[in-house]
Amino acid sequence: MAQAGATTTDTAQQAHPRRWWALAALAASVLVLGLDSTVLNVALPSMATALGADNGDLQWIVDGYVVVFAAALVPAGLLGDRFGRKRLIVAGLALFGTASLLGVFAGSVGEVIAARAAMGAGAALVTPLSMSILPSVFPPEERSKAIGVWAAATALGLPLGPIVGGALLEHFWWGSVFLMNVPLVVAAIVAATLWLPESRDPAAKKIDPVTSVLAAGGLAVLVFGANEAARRGWTDPVVLGGIAAGLALIGAVVLRETRRSVAMIDFSLFRNRNFLWGSLAAVVPSFVMVGVLFVLPQRLAAVDGQGAFGTGVRLLPLMGGLLASAGVSAPLVARFGFRGVIPTGMLLLAAGAFLGATGSPSDGYAFTAVWLGIIGFGLGVAMIPGMDAVLATLSPERAGVGSALMQTLEQVAGALGVAMLGSILAGAYTGRLDVSGPANDSVASAVEIAQRTGDPALLAHARDAFVHGMDVVLIACGIAAIVAGALVAAFLPGRKGQGAEQAPAAEAAGDAASGAASETVHA
């Protein structure tokens, strides 16, 4: 045990001389992915009209990316640990850029989903490996700051995406939002090639094809079942069968991996409370952010009458709050510890969601900006310390697979969040609208029909129904944040006394050196 702790601490204390240049390259890499994520949300209303996509199609355009991304994260982490993280990041960026070009020329919902799936595979190589390099080059006392910069770079892409993408959509077709990824990918590849140090784990585990196929199939079937609930209802046999089959396949993955002598997915990491509850602190904010970014752009476009550019600009308070929290989360953790800061972020997250749920179609934008900024700040206060708590449990050599496992959970939460919250939105919308025909498919369709036929009653009714559905989604997000905050406050490790809480990363690393986590270091 002592030896394991020494190994972890000594390795983590080493500071790479080019670490800040490396961080700049990583920031450029994740900036591209953050940019793409919000571009898509702003483009959803345009896609719905141009491609004739209903709510279910829009969910799969989002989830086609997320499902592949989530299924590929752990294999990507293992590949990076084994063959070199820098090499895999560059390959992932290249794949992401190529798939973006395919999306530019897509002419149907199916082609867009296929391009998004390929983009998800590329992003899966970039995201966990970019995070896993941080503990390899930064000592514990600088890690929170590095995570903050990494998260801020991701967040910076979020407001730039809607603004730049919105400007493109005002003048060009929706495929232009994919085209803008290409020059950014090229710049990120150059930065990664020049500045990133190579790192790997020579003893990395091999990829198990059976486990990979079972995991990918389980996620796809599970999300399919949840998506179909929006159209069929949660009690439909197809929905129940899809969810049951997905859970069975994921259960088979857990059973297989826990029985193998050398597992591909190290589920013993969850015996470490820092890893378990730190992961929850990253997962739930991701769930909430996905929900907000799924419903709010549709409200801004269809209810408030904003164009794509106006919609993007009006998302800025969410991103501004997240960026502001990136600068204060590290000092807060240094003073109050993970267990004091993360639940506070969850409460802020819930407060913003509940405030937003009191909205109506006649609200001015100032009201939206207030609750959106609160949610953004809460996201960063909860999520950044959660990531730090997770990384503190991992040795640099095993950071690839460990961060991939945490981010797999985060992306599964995002996929299920779109499916579940999309189903909640669709159910509340159609129940309130109570009409038949295409207007029932989405608020964008209802608004288009009402404007074409000159039916102000349908227009007002559809907007009221959508805002009602959005309010229900925000209530669900707020409840999830409160429950997560309570669990973190109760179970995340922490000791009384200011001295213990001033070095949370060191405390987490010490916890990681005991029990099952120490076995992970030497696996």
Protein backbone atom coordinates (compact mmCIF):
# COMPACT_ATOMS: atom_id res chain seq x y z
CA MET A 1 0.00 0.00 0.00
CA ALA A 2 2.70 2.45 0.96
CA GLN A 3 4.63 1.66 -2.14
CA ALA A 4 1.60 2.30 -4.32
CA GLY A 5 1.00 5.63 -2.65
CA ALA A 6 4.60 6.64 -3.17
CA THR A 7 4.47 5.69 -6.81
CA THR A 8 1.36 7.74 -7.41
CA THR A 9 2.60 10.79 -5.51
CA ASP A 10 6.12 10.82 -6.90
CA THR A 11 4.94 10.54 -10.49
CA ALA A 12 2.24 13.16 -10.06
CA GLN A 13 4.75 15.61 -8.50
CA GLN A 14 6.85 15.75 -11.66
CA ALA A 15 6.16 18.94 -13.65
CA HIS A 16 6.78 18.86 -17.39
CA PRO A 17 8.80 21.90 -18.56
CA ARG A 18 6.48 22.46 -21.55
CA ARG A 19 3.27 21.83 -19.62
CA TRP A 20 1.68 25.23 -20.35
CA TRP A 21 2.34 24.91 -24.08
CA ALA A 22 0.90 21.41 -23.89
CA LEU A 23 -2.18 22.81 -22.13
CA ALA A 24 -2.57 25.34 -24.95
CA ALA A 25 -2.57 22.50 -27.50
CA LEU A 26 -5.13 20.55 -25.47
CA ALA A 27 -7.28 23.66 -25.17
CA ALA A 28 -7.21 24.10 -28.94
CA SER A 29 -8.28 20.47 -29.38
CA VAL A 30 -11.28 20.58 -27.03
CA LEU A 31 -12.24 24.05 -28.28
CA VAL A 32 -13.15 22.47 -31.61
CA LEU A 33 -15.41 19.90 -29.93
CA GLY A 34 -17.10 22.48 -27.70
CA LEU A 35 -17.69 24.69 -30.72
CA ASP A 36 -19.38 21.87 -32.61
CA SER A 37 -21.69 20.86 -29.76
CA THR A 38 -23.56 24.17 -29.54
CA VAL A 39 -23.48 24.79 -33.27
CA LEU A 40 -25.64 21.71 -33.64
CA ASN A 41 -28.17 22.84 -31.04
CA VAL A 42 -28.59 26.20 -32.78
CA ALA A 43 -28.95 24.43 -36.15
CA LEU A 44 -31.63 21.98 -34.94
CA PRO A 45 -34.59 24.23 -35.86
CA SER A 46 -33.17 24.77 -39.36
CA MET A 47 -32.56 21.02 -39.75
CA ALA A 48 -36.11 20.25 -38.62
CA THR A 49 -37.51 22.47 -41.37
CA ALA A 50 -35.06 21.58 -44.16
CA LEU A 51 -34.97 17.82 -43.57
CA GLY A 52 -38.52 17.35 -42.30
CA ALA A 53 -37.15 16.05 -38.99
CA ASP A 54 -39.45 15.49 -36.02
CA ASN A 55 -38.42 15.49 -32.34
CA GLY A 56 -37.29 11.86 -32.54
CA ASP A 57 -35.09 12.59 -35.57
CA LEU A 58 -33.55 15.58 -33.82
CA GLN A 59 -32.80 13.43 -30.78
CA TRP A 60 -31.00 10.88 -32.95
CA ILE A 61 -28.99 13.59 -34.71
CA VAL A 62 -27.73 14.49 -31.23
CA ASP A 63 -27.53 10.93 -29.90
CA GLY A 64 -25.92 9.43 -33.02
CA TYR A 65 -22.82 11.35 -31.99
CA VAL A 66 -23.17 10.72 -28.27
CA VAL A 67 -23.79 6.95 -28.44
CA VAL A 68 -20.70 6.29 -30.58
CA PHE A 69 -18.70 8.72 -28.48
CA ALA A 70 -19.70 7.01 -25.23
CA ALA A 71 -19.12 3.50 -26.57
CA ALA A 72 -15.67 4.38 -27.93
CA LEU A 73 -14.32 6.29 -24.90
CA VAL A 74 -12.90 3.36 -22.93
CA PRO A 75 -11.29 1.67 -25.99
CA ALA A 76 -9.90 5.09 -26.94
CA GLY A 77 -8.44 5.54 -23.47
CA LEU A 78 -6.80 2.12 -23.67
CA LEU A 79 -5.43 2.80 -27.14
CA GLY A 80 -3.96 6.08 -25.95
CA ASP A 81 -2.40 4.46 -22.88
CA ARG A 82 -0.93 1.72 -25.07
CA PHE A 83 0.16 3.46 -28.30
CA GLY A 84 0.55 7.10 -27.24
CA ARG A 85 -1.98 9.75 -26.30
CA LYS A 86 -0.56 12.44 -28.58
CA ARG A 87 -0.72 10.13 -31.59
CA LEU A 88 -4.35 9.20 -30.90
CA ILE A 89 -5.41 12.81 -30.29
CA VAL A 90 -4.05 13.81 -33.71
CA ALA A 91 -5.79 10.82 -35.33
CA GLY A 92 -9.06 11.69 -33.59
CA LEU A 93 -8.92 15.28 -34.78
CA ALA A 94 -8.29 14.10 -38.34
CA LEU A 95 -11.30 11.74 -38.19
CA PHE A 96 -13.47 14.48 -36.70
CA GLY A 97 -12.55 16.88 -39.50
CA THR A 98 -13.17 14.29 -42.24
CA ALA A 99 -16.58 13.42 -40.81
CA SER A 100 -17.45 17.11 -40.63
CA LEU A 101 -16.84 17.34 -44.38
CA LEU A 102 -19.28 14.45 -44.89
CA GLY A 103 -21.86 16.33 -42.84
CA VAL A 104 -21.49 19.39 -45.08
CA PHE A 105 -22.95 17.51 -48.05
CA ALA A 106 -25.51 15.35 -46.21
CA GLY A 107 -28.94 15.46 -47.82
CA SER A 108 -31.08 13.41 -45.43
CA VAL A 109 -31.56 12.75 -41.74
CA GLY A 110 -29.83 9.37 -42.09
CA GLU A 111 -26.73 10.88 -43.70
CA VAL A 112 -26.50 13.54 -40.99
CA ILE A 113 -26.75 10.87 -38.29
CA ALA A 114 -24.00 8.82 -40.00
CA ALA A 115 -21.70 11.86 -40.19
CA ARG A 116 -22.41 12.69 -36.56
CA ALA A 117 -21.60 9.11 -35.54
CA ALA A 118 -18.20 9.32 -37.28
CA MET A 119 -17.58 12.67 -35.58
CA GLY A 120 -18.37 10.99 -32.27
CA ALA A 121 -15.69 8.36 -32.93
CA GLY A 122 -13.14 11.09 -33.60
CA ALA A 123 -14.14 13.05 -30.53
CA ALA A 124 -13.82 9.90 -28.41
CA LEU A 125 -10.13 9.79 -29.23
CA VAL A 126 -9.61 13.43 -28.31
CA THR A 127 -11.62 14.13 -25.16
CA PRO A 128 -10.48 11.52 -22.60
CA LEU A 129 -6.89 11.57 -23.79
CA SER A 130 -6.69 15.35 -23.63
CA MET A 131 -7.84 15.19 -20.01
CA SER A 132 -5.62 12.23 -19.16
CA ILE A 133 -2.46 14.12 -20.21
CA LEU A 134 -3.05 16.71 -17.46
CA PRO A 135 -1.91 14.58 -14.48
CA SER A 136 1.06 13.42 -16.55
CA VAL A 137 2.48 16.94 -16.91
CA PHE A 138 1.00 18.94 -14.00
CA PRO A 139 1.78 18.43 -10.29
CA PRO A 140 -1.20 18.26 -7.86
CA GLU A 141 -0.88 21.90 -6.78
CA GLU A 142 -1.35 23.05 -10.41
CA ARG A 143 -3.86 20.45 -11.52
CA SER A 144 -7.03 22.35 -10.50
CA LYS A 145 -5.84 25.38 -12.46
CA ALA A 146 -5.06 23.21 -15.48
CA ILE A 147 -8.49 21.54 -15.30
CA GLY A 148 -10.06 24.99 -15.06
CA VAL A 149 -8.26 26.11 -18.22
CA TRP A 150 -9.19 22.86 -19.97
CA ALA A 151 -12.85 23.26 -18.97
CA ALA A 152 -12.81 26.96 -19.88
CA ALA A 153 -11.50 26.10 -23.35
CA THR A 154 -14.39 23.70 -23.79
CA ALA A 155 -16.77 26.36 -22.50
CA LEU A 156 -15.27 29.00 -24.78
CA GLY A 157 -16.27 26.89 -27.76
CA LEU A 158 -19.85 26.82 -26.51
CA PRO A 159 -20.65 30.53 -27.01
CA LEU A 160 -18.46 30.84 -30.10
CA GLY A 161 -20.35 27.99 -31.75
CA PRO A 162 -23.80 29.63 -31.65
CA ILE A 163 -22.46 33.06 -32.56
CA VAL A 164 -20.29 32.00 -35.50
CA GLY A 165 -22.68 29.23 -36.53
CA GLY A 166 -25.66 31.55 -36.16
CA ALA A 167 -24.03 34.10 -38.44
CA LEU A 168 -23.41 31.35 -41.00
CA LEU A 169 -27.00 30.15 -40.80
CA GLU A 170 -28.28 33.66 -41.43
CA HIS A 171 -26.55 33.63 -44.84
CA PHE A 172 -25.94 29.96 -45.77
CA TRP A 173 -27.56 26.55 -45.42
CA TRP A 174 -27.32 24.47 -42.25
CA GLY A 175 -24.45 22.36 -43.64
CA SER A 176 -22.14 25.34 -43.25
CA VAL A 177 -22.01 24.72 -39.47
CA PHE A 178 -20.07 21.52 -40.20
CA LEU A 179 -17.79 23.21 -42.72
CA MET A 180 -16.39 25.64 -40.16
CA ASN A 181 -14.96 22.70 -38.16
CA VAL A 182 -12.40 21.93 -40.86
CA PRO A 183 -9.95 24.89 -40.54
CA LEU A 184 -10.21 24.70 -36.74
CA VAL A 185 -9.32 21.01 -36.81
CA VAL A 186 -6.29 21.75 -38.98
CA ALA A 187 -5.10 24.40 -36.51
CA ALA A 188 -5.62 22.02 -33.57
CA ILE A 189 -3.64 19.27 -35.32
CA VAL A 190 -0.72 21.65 -35.88
CA ALA A 191 -0.77 22.76 -32.22
CA ALA A 192 -0.94 19.17 -30.94
CA THR A 193 1.90 18.07 -33.22
CA LEU A 194 4.17 20.91 -32.11
CA TRP A 195 3.47 21.19 -28.39
CA LEU A 196 2.06 17.98 -26.95
CA PRO A 197 4.50 15.58 -25.27
CA GLU A 198 3.96 11.91 -25.97
CA SER A 199 2.87 9.75 -23.05
CA ARG A 200 1.78 6.15 -22.76
CA ASP A 201 1.55 3.18 -20.41
CA PRO A 202 3.62 0.24 -21.72
CA ALA A 203 1.60 -2.12 -19.53
CA ALA A 204 -1.78 -0.91 -20.83
CA LYS A 205 -4.50 -3.53 -21.14
CA LYS A 206 -5.59 -4.94 -24.47
CA ILE A 207 -8.94 -4.07 -26.02
CA ASP A 208 -11.52 -6.86 -25.73
CA PRO A 209 -13.67 -6.90 -28.91
CA VAL A 210 -16.52 -8.76 -27.17
CA THR A 211 -16.75 -6.18 -24.39
CA SER A 212 -16.56 -3.31 -26.88
CA VAL A 213 -19.35 -4.73 -29.03
CA LEU A 214 -21.56 -5.50 -26.03
CA ALA A 215 -21.08 -2.00 -24.62
CA ALA A 216 -21.76 -0.25 -27.94
CA GLY A 217 -24.81 -2.42 -28.61
CA GLY A 218 -26.17 -1.93 -25.11
CA LEU A 219 -25.87 1.85 -25.30
CA ALA A 220 -27.44 2.01 -28.76
CA VAL A 221 -30.41 -0.18 -27.85
CA LEU A 222 -30.95 1.57 -24.52
CA VAL A 223 -31.01 5.02 -26.11
CA PHE A 224 -33.21 3.74 -28.96
CA GLY A 225 -35.78 2.55 -26.44
CA ALA A 226 -35.72 5.84 -24.58
CA ASN A 227 -36.00 7.83 -27.82
CA GLU A 228 -38.98 5.81 -29.03
CA ALA A 229 -40.80 6.63 -25.79
CA ALA A 230 -41.33 10.14 -27.17
CA ARG A 231 -43.45 8.71 -30.00
CA ARG A 232 -44.82 5.47 -28.59
CA GLY A 233 -45.09 6.09 -24.86
CA TRP A 234 -43.06 4.50 -22.07
CA THR A 235 -45.34 1.45 -21.77
CA ASP A 236 -45.04 0.43 -25.43
CA PRO A 237 -43.52 -3.07 -25.89
CA VAL A 238 -40.87 -1.72 -28.30
CA VAL A 239 -39.79 0.85 -25.74
CA LEU A 240 -39.77 -1.55 -22.81
CA GLY A 241 -38.03 -4.21 -24.89
CA GLY A 242 -35.33 -1.79 -26.08
CA ILE A 243 -34.62 -0.53 -22.58
CA ALA A 244 -34.57 -4.05 -21.14
CA ALA A 245 -32.27 -5.33 -23.90
CA GLY A 246 -29.91 -2.38 -23.46
CA LEU A 247 -29.69 -2.88 -19.71
CA ALA A 248 -29.14 -6.62 -20.23
CA LEU A 249 -26.23 -6.02 -22.62
CA ILE A 250 -24.66 -3.46 -20.26
CA GLY A 251 -25.17 -5.92 -17.40
CA ALA A 252 -23.35 -8.55 -19.47
CA VAL A 253 -20.43 -6.14 -19.85
CA VAL A 254 -20.24 -5.64 -16.08
CA LEU A 255 -20.49 -9.38 -15.43
CA ARG A 256 -17.84 -10.24 -18.02
CA GLU A 257 -15.39 -7.59 -16.89
CA THR A 258 -15.69 -8.33 -13.19
CA ARG A 259 -14.96 -12.03 -13.83
CA ARG A 260 -11.95 -11.59 -16.11
CA SER A 261 -8.49 -11.76 -14.54
CA VAL A 262 -7.37 -8.77 -16.64
CA ALA A 263 -10.42 -6.62 -17.32
CA MET A 264 -10.61 -4.03 -20.08
CA ILE A 265 -12.92 -1.83 -17.99
CA ASP A 266 -11.73 -1.58 -14.40
CA PHE A 267 -14.98 -1.36 -12.44
CA SER A 268 -13.01 -1.61 -9.19
CA LEU A 269 -12.34 2.13 -9.61
CA PHE A 270 -15.85 2.68 -8.31
CA ARG A 271 -14.80 1.28 -4.93
CA ASN A 272 -12.87 4.50 -4.48
CA ARG A 273 -15.30 7.10 -3.17
CA ASN A 274 -13.44 10.03 -4.71
CA PHE A 275 -13.77 8.45 -8.14
CA LEU A 276 -17.40 7.40 -7.65
CA TRP A 277 -18.82 10.62 -6.26
CA GLY A 278 -16.48 12.83 -8.26
CA SER A 279 -17.83 11.14 -11.39
CA LEU A 280 -21.39 11.83 -10.23
CA ALA A 281 -20.44 15.48 -9.76
CA ALA A 282 -19.39 15.59 -13.43
CA VAL A 283 -22.25 13.46 -14.77
CA VAL A 284 -25.28 15.30 -13.36
CA PRO A 285 -24.21 18.77 -14.55
CA SER A 286 -23.68 17.24 -17.98
CA PHE A 287 -27.23 15.86 -17.84
CA VAL A 288 -28.60 19.30 -16.95
CA MET A 289 -26.57 21.13 -19.59
CA VAL A 290 -27.71 18.72 -22.29
CA GLY A 291 -31.32 19.30 -21.27
CA VAL A 292 -30.98 23.09 -21.30
CA LEU A 293 -29.17 23.14 -24.64
CA PHE A 294 -31.80 20.86 -26.16
CA VAL A 295 -34.87 22.88 -25.19
CA LEU A 296 -33.70 26.50 -24.95
CA PRO A 297 -32.57 27.04 -28.58
CA GLN A 298 -35.94 25.71 -29.73
CA ARG A 299 -37.73 28.12 -27.39
CA LEU A 300 -35.64 31.08 -28.51
CA ALA A 301 -36.25 30.28 -32.19
CA ALA A 302 -39.89 29.13 -32.20
CA VAL A 303 -41.38 31.04 -29.27
CA ASP A 304 -39.31 34.23 -29.15
CA GLY A 305 -38.86 34.44 -32.91
CA GLN A 306 -35.07 34.69 -32.87
CA GLY A 307 -32.94 33.79 -35.86
CA ALA A 308 -29.96 31.48 -35.58
CA PHE A 309 -27.52 34.29 -34.77
CA GLY A 310 -29.85 35.82 -32.19
CA THR A 311 -30.35 32.41 -30.60
CA GLY A 312 -26.59 31.90 -30.31
CA VAL A 313 -26.00 35.30 -28.73
CA ARG A 314 -28.75 34.67 -26.18
CA LEU A 315 -27.00 31.51 -24.98
CA LEU A 316 -24.01 33.58 -23.82
CA PRO A 317 -25.12 33.91 -20.15
CA LEU A 318 -24.85 30.12 -19.74
CA MET A 319 -21.33 30.13 -21.14
CA GLY A 320 -20.39 33.30 -19.27
CA GLY A 321 -21.42 31.74 -15.98
CA LEU A 322 -19.41 28.61 -16.75
CA LEU A 323 -16.32 30.63 -17.69
CA ALA A 324 -16.62 32.72 -14.51
CA SER A 325 -16.83 29.59 -12.36
CA ALA A 326 -13.67 28.19 -13.98
CA GLY A 327 -11.72 31.04 -12.40
CA VAL A 328 -13.08 30.64 -8.87
CA SER A 329 -13.56 26.89 -8.44
CA ALA A 330 -9.90 26.12 -7.60
CA PRO A 331 -9.63 28.72 -4.77
CA LEU A 332 -12.99 27.59 -3.40
CA VAL A 333 -11.89 23.96 -3.34
CA ALA A 334 -8.59 24.93 -1.68
CA ARG A 335 -10.52 26.62 1.11
CA PHE A 336 -13.65 24.49 1.54
CA GLY A 337 -12.76 21.14 -0.04
CA PHE A 338 -14.59 19.09 -2.66
CA ARG A 339 -17.42 18.17 -0.32
CA GLY A 340 -18.13 21.81 0.50
CA VAL A 341 -17.96 23.19 -3.04
CA ILE A 342 -19.60 20.55 -5.23
CA PRO A 343 -22.98 20.45 -3.40
CA THR A 344 -23.05 24.26 -3.50
CA GLY A 345 -22.67 24.10 -7.27
CA MET A 346 -25.50 21.58 -7.46
CA LEU A 347 -27.76 23.88 -5.43
CA LEU A 348 -26.97 26.78 -7.76
CA LEU A 349 -27.74 24.52 -10.69
CA ALA A 350 -31.09 23.56 -9.18
CA ALA A 351 -31.93 27.16 -8.28
CA GLY A 352 -31.36 28.31 -11.86
CA ALA A 353 -33.44 25.43 -13.27
CA PHE A 354 -36.35 26.00 -10.88
CA LEU A 355 -36.29 29.73 -11.60
CA GLY A 356 -36.39 29.02 -15.33
CA ALA A 357 -39.32 26.65 -14.81
CA THR A 358 -41.50 29.58 -13.69
CA GLY A 359 -41.31 31.07 -17.16
CA SER A 360 -44.06 31.80 -19.67
CA PRO A 361 -44.18 32.65 -23.40
CA SER A 362 -44.42 36.36 -22.59
CA ASP A 363 -41.20 36.52 -20.54
CA GLY A 364 -38.63 39.06 -21.64
CA TYR A 365 -35.11 37.90 -22.37
CA ALA A 366 -33.73 39.51 -19.20
CA PHE A 367 -35.48 36.85 -17.14
CA THR A 368 -33.99 34.07 -19.28
CA ALA A 369 -30.50 35.59 -19.02
CA VAL A 370 -30.67 35.59 -15.21
CA TRP A 371 -31.59 31.93 -14.72
CA LEU A 372 -29.30 30.86 -17.54
CA GLY A 373 -26.32 32.60 -15.93
CA ILE A 374 -27.07 30.95 -12.58
CA ILE A 375 -27.14 27.54 -14.25
CA GLY A 376 -23.84 28.23 -16.02
CA PHE A 377 -22.10 29.25 -12.82
CA GLY A 378 -23.46 26.23 -10.98
CA LEU A 379 -22.25 23.95 -13.77
CA GLY A 380 -18.65 25.00 -13.32
CA VAL A 381 -18.70 25.08 -9.51
CA ALA A 382 -19.91 21.46 -9.46
CA MET A 383 -18.27 19.96 -12.54
CA ILE A 384 -14.68 21.26 -12.41
CA PRO A 385 -14.03 20.07 -8.80
CA GLY A 386 -15.69 16.77 -9.71
CA MET A 387 -13.18 16.24 -12.52
CA ASP A 388 -10.33 17.18 -10.18
CA ALA A 389 -11.51 14.65 -7.60
CA VAL A 390 -11.52 11.93 -10.26
CA LEU A 391 -8.07 12.75 -11.67
CA ALA A 392 -6.62 12.84 -8.16
CA THR A 393 -7.35 9.13 -7.80
CA LEU A 394 -5.49 8.12 -10.98
CA SER A 395 -1.81 7.56 -11.60
CA PRO A 396 -0.54 9.37 -14.72
CA GLU A 397 0.12 6.04 -16.45
CA ARG A 398 -3.49 4.92 -16.03
CA ALA A 399 -5.12 8.30 -16.52
CA GLY A 400 -6.30 7.47 -20.05
CA VAL A 401 -8.59 4.59 -19.20
CA GLY A 402 -9.68 6.13 -15.88
CA SER A 403 -10.72 9.48 -17.37
CA ALA A 404 -12.34 7.62 -20.27
CA LEU A 405 -14.46 5.60 -17.85
CA MET A 406 -15.60 8.76 -16.06
CA GLN A 407 -16.41 10.49 -19.33
CA THR A 408 -18.23 7.41 -20.59
CA LEU A 409 -20.62 7.86 -17.68
CA GLU A 410 -20.88 11.55 -18.51
CA GLN A 411 -21.74 10.88 -22.13
CA VAL A 412 -24.20 8.12 -21.27
CA ALA A 413 -25.92 10.63 -19.01
CA GLY A 414 -25.93 13.09 -21.89
CA ALA A 415 -27.43 10.56 -24.32
CA LEU A 416 -30.06 9.41 -21.87
CA GLY A 417 -30.64 13.03 -20.90
CA VAL A 418 -31.56 13.95 -24.47
CA ALA A 419 -33.75 10.84 -24.73
CA MET A 420 -35.48 11.13 -21.37
CA LEU A 421 -35.83 14.90 -21.33
CA GLY A 422 -36.82 14.87 -24.99
CA SER A 423 -39.53 12.35 -24.15
CA ILE A 424 -40.68 14.49 -21.23
CA LEU A 425 -40.76 17.53 -23.49
CA ALA A 426 -42.66 15.72 -26.24
CA GLY A 427 -45.20 14.28 -23.79
CA ALA A 428 -45.84 17.61 -22.09
CA TYR A 429 -45.96 19.46 -25.43
CA THR A 430 -48.40 17.12 -27.17
CA GLY A 431 -50.52 16.76 -24.06
CA ARG A 432 -50.90 20.52 -23.77
CA LEU A 433 -51.27 21.18 -27.51
CA ASP A 434 -53.90 18.45 -28.04
CA VAL A 435 -54.05 18.67 -31.84
CA SER A 436 -53.38 16.15 -34.59
CA GLY A 437 -51.15 16.29 -37.63
CA PRO A 438 -47.62 17.62 -38.27
CA ALA A 439 -48.02 20.40 -35.70
CA ASN A 440 -47.79 17.67 -33.08
CA ASP A 441 -44.30 16.63 -34.23
CA SER A 442 -42.38 19.69 -33.03
CA VAL A 443 -42.92 23.31 -32.14
CA ALA A 444 -40.91 24.30 -35.24
CA SER A 445 -43.43 22.46 -37.44
CA ALA A 446 -46.37 24.00 -35.59
CA VAL A 447 -44.99 27.52 -35.99
CA GLU A 448 -44.28 26.96 -39.69
CA ILE A 449 -47.84 25.66 -40.26
CA ALA A 450 -49.43 28.48 -38.27
CA GLN A 451 -47.50 31.15 -40.16
CA ARG A 452 -48.20 29.57 -43.54
CA THR A 453 -51.94 29.20 -42.90
CA GLY A 454 -52.34 32.44 -40.97
CA ASP A 455 -53.62 30.73 -37.83
CA PRO A 456 -52.70 32.92 -34.83
CA ALA A 457 -54.58 30.64 -32.42
CA LEU A 458 -52.45 27.64 -33.37
CA LEU A 459 -49.30 29.77 -33.11
CA ALA A 460 -50.12 30.97 -29.60
CA HIS A 461 -51.27 27.52 -28.50
CA ALA A 462 -48.11 25.81 -29.81
CA ARG A 463 -45.82 28.33 -28.13
CA ASP A 464 -47.67 27.98 -24.81
CA ALA A 465 -47.48 24.17 -25.06
CA PHE A 466 -43.75 24.22 -25.76
CA VAL A 467 -42.94 26.55 -22.87
CA HIS A 468 -44.99 24.29 -20.60
CA GLY A 469 -42.93 21.30 -21.77
CA MET A 470 -39.70 23.24 -21.26
CA ASP A 471 -40.76 24.14 -17.71
CA VAL A 472 -41.33 20.45 -16.93
CA VAL A 473 -37.87 19.60 -18.31
CA LEU A 474 -36.23 22.26 -16.13
CA ILE A 475 -38.02 20.95 -13.04
CA ALA A 476 -36.67 17.47 -13.78
CA CYS A 477 -33.15 18.93 -14.15
CA GLY A 478 -33.44 20.79 -10.85
CA ILE A 479 -34.57 17.68 -8.99
CA ALA A 480 -31.64 15.69 -10.42
CA ALA A 481 -29.19 18.39 -9.25
CA ILE A 482 -30.61 18.45 -5.70
CA VAL A 483 -30.45 14.66 -5.35
CA ALA A 484 -26.87 14.57 -6.68
CA GLY A 485 -25.79 17.38 -4.37
CA ALA A 486 -27.22 15.59 -1.35
CA LEU A 487 -25.44 12.34 -2.27
CA VAL A 488 -22.09 14.10 -2.77
CA ALA A 489 -22.46 15.95 0.54
CA ALA A 490 -23.19 12.68 2.32
CA PHE A 491 -20.66 10.32 0.76
CA LEU A 492 -17.73 12.19 -0.82
CA PRO A 493 -14.71 11.71 1.50
CA GLY A 494 -13.68 14.67 3.61
CA ARG A 495 -12.27 15.41 7.03
CA LYS A 496 -13.00 18.16 9.48
CA GLY A 497 -10.32 20.76 9.97
CA GLN A 498 -9.02 23.43 7.66
CA GLY A 499 -5.68 21.80 7.07
CA ALA A 500 -7.19 18.63 5.63
CA GLU A 501 -9.50 20.51 3.32
CA GLN A 502 -6.83 22.83 1.96
CA ALA A 503 -5.21 20.04 -0.01
CA PRO A 504 -8.11 18.04 -1.43
CA ALA A 505 -6.12 16.74 -4.38
CA ALA A 506 -3.44 15.33 -2.12
CA GLU A 507 -6.07 13.78 0.13
CA ALA A 508 -7.74 12.16 -2.87
CA ALA A 509 -4.42 10.81 -4.11
CA GLY A 510 -3.81 9.34 -0.67
CA ASP A 511 -7.21 7.68 -0.71
CA ALA A 512 -6.44 6.32 -4.18
CA ALA A 513 -3.32 4.63 -2.86
CA SER A 514 -5.37 2.42 -0.56
CA GLY A 515 -7.70 -0.49 -1.24
CA ALA A 516 -8.77 -1.32 -4.77
CA ALA A 517 -7.49 1.90 -6.32
CA SER A 518 -3.91 1.00 -5.48
CA GLU A 519 -4.37 -2.20 -7.46
CA THR A 520 -5.46 -0.09 -10.44
CA VAL A 521 -2.20 1.87 -10.33
CA HIS A 522 -0.19 -1.33 -10.79
CA ALA A 523 -2.62 -3.25 -13.01
